[in-house]
């Protein structure tokens, strides 16, 4: 996105849906202790927005990261059940990376 501040111009990169999901999945590898659950919550909030077409073109590393995140989310049903559409979105991602 192109932005202007006074006389200065710049570009701010915004991830697409797939990039945002992969970034959240990659964040699981950051040692974050108890607060690490926030990445699962964020992922579960993003995943209902993903369509099958968004999941085309995954590289092996992205698939690996998404597979780990889906497994972590499945291990926390209290998070998944508390977010509308998260279960369906997780299923969609799981099928795409199978």
Protein backbone atom coordinates (compact mmCIF):
# COMPACT_ATOMS: atom_id res chain seq x y z
CA UNK A 1 0.00 0.00 0.00
CA UNK A 2 1.37 3.42 -0.94
CA UNK A 3 1.29 6.00 1.89
CA UNK A 4 2.14 9.66 2.22
CA UNK A 5 3.23 11.47 5.36
CA UNK A 6 3.80 15.15 4.76
CA UNK A 7 6.13 15.36 1.81
CA UNK A 8 7.39 11.79 2.20
CA UNK A 9 6.05 8.76 0.37
CA UNK A 10 6.53 5.14 1.24
CA UNK A 11 5.18 1.65 0.81
CA UNK A 12 3.71 -0.53 3.53
CA UNK A 13 3.51 -4.21 2.67
CA UNK A 14 0.34 -5.98 3.70
CA UNK A 15 0.14 -9.76 3.66
CA UNK A 16 -2.62 -11.55 1.80
CA UNK A 17 -4.76 -14.04 3.72
CA UNK A 18 -2.47 -16.97 3.02
CA UNK A 19 0.66 -15.06 4.04
CA UNK A 20 -1.04 -13.98 7.27
CA UNK A 21 -1.96 -17.60 8.08
CA UNK A 22 1.53 -18.87 7.34
CA UNK A 23 3.06 -16.07 9.43
CA UNK A 24 0.86 -16.99 12.39
CA UNK A 25 1.74 -20.66 11.94
CA UNK A 26 5.45 -19.78 11.79
CA UNK A 27 5.08 -17.77 15.00
CA UNK A 28 4.53 -21.05 16.87
CA UNK A 29 8.27 -21.65 16.58
CA UNK A 30 8.99 -18.56 18.70
CA UNK A 31 9.43 -19.59 22.35
CA UNK A 32 6.56 -17.69 23.91
CA UNK A 33 5.49 -19.84 26.83
CA UNK A 34 1.87 -19.50 27.88
CA UNK A 35 1.38 -16.50 25.62
CA UNK A 36 1.95 -18.75 22.61
CA UNK A 37 -1.76 -19.57 22.66
CA UNK A 38 -2.38 -16.10 21.21
CA UNK A 39 -0.97 -17.31 17.88
CA UNK A 40 -3.52 -20.12 17.86
CA UNK A 41 -6.31 -17.66 18.67
CA UNK A 42 -5.15 -15.30 15.92
CA UNK A 43 -4.91 -18.17 13.44
CA UNK A 44 -8.41 -19.37 14.36
CA UNK A 45 -9.75 -15.85 13.79
CA UNK A 46 -8.12 -15.66 10.35
CA UNK A 47 -8.83 -19.17 9.10
CA UNK A 48 -12.60 -18.69 8.45
CA UNK A 49 -11.68 -16.01 5.89
CA UNK A 50 -9.66 -18.45 3.76
CA UNK A 51 -11.16 -20.05 0.68
CA UNK A 52 -9.86 -23.05 -1.22
CA UNK A 53 -8.42 -20.81 -3.94
CA UNK A 54 -6.37 -18.98 -1.31
CA UNK A 55 -4.60 -22.22 -0.47
CA UNK A 56 -3.19 -22.82 -3.95
CA UNK A 57 0.56 -22.59 -4.41
CA UNK A 58 1.75 -23.61 -0.98
CA UNK A 59 5.43 -24.46 -0.80
CA UNK A 60 6.50 -27.45 1.33
CA UNK A 61 7.68 -25.25 4.24
CA UNK A 62 4.28 -23.48 4.33
CA UNK A 63 2.51 -26.84 4.37
CA UNK A 64 4.72 -27.98 7.25
CA UNK A 65 3.99 -24.84 9.27
CA UNK A 66 0.25 -25.01 8.58
CA UNK A 67 0.17 -28.72 9.47
CA UNK A 68 1.76 -27.94 12.86
CA UNK A 69 -0.68 -25.09 13.51
CA UNK A 70 -3.72 -27.21 12.61
CA UNK A 71 -2.49 -29.89 15.03
CA UNK A 72 -1.95 -27.29 17.78
CA UNK A 73 -5.40 -25.80 17.20
CA UNK A 74 -6.99 -29.27 17.28
CA UNK A 75 -5.30 -29.78 20.67
CA UNK A 76 -7.15 -26.69 21.96
CA UNK A 77 -10.85 -27.29 21.21
CA UNK A 78 -11.81 -24.59 23.71
CA UNK A 79 -10.21 -22.03 21.39
CA UNK A 80 -11.65 -23.48 18.17
CA UNK A 81 -15.18 -23.80 19.54
CA UNK A 82 -15.12 -20.22 20.79
CA UNK A 83 -14.51 -18.72 17.33
CA UNK A 84 -17.23 -18.79 14.67
CA UNK A 85 -16.13 -20.68 11.58
CA UNK A 86 -12.78 -21.78 12.98
CA UNK A 87 -13.59 -25.49 12.83
CA UNK A 88 -14.68 -25.32 9.20
CA UNK A 89 -11.66 -23.22 8.28
CA UNK A 90 -9.28 -25.63 9.97
CA UNK A 91 -10.87 -28.51 8.08
CA UNK A 92 -10.46 -26.60 4.80
CA UNK A 93 -6.77 -25.98 5.53
CA UNK A 94 -6.21 -29.58 6.65
CA UNK A 95 -7.68 -30.90 3.40
CA UNK A 96 -5.57 -28.50 1.32
CA UNK A 97 -2.30 -29.56 2.97
CA UNK A 98 -3.05 -33.30 3.04
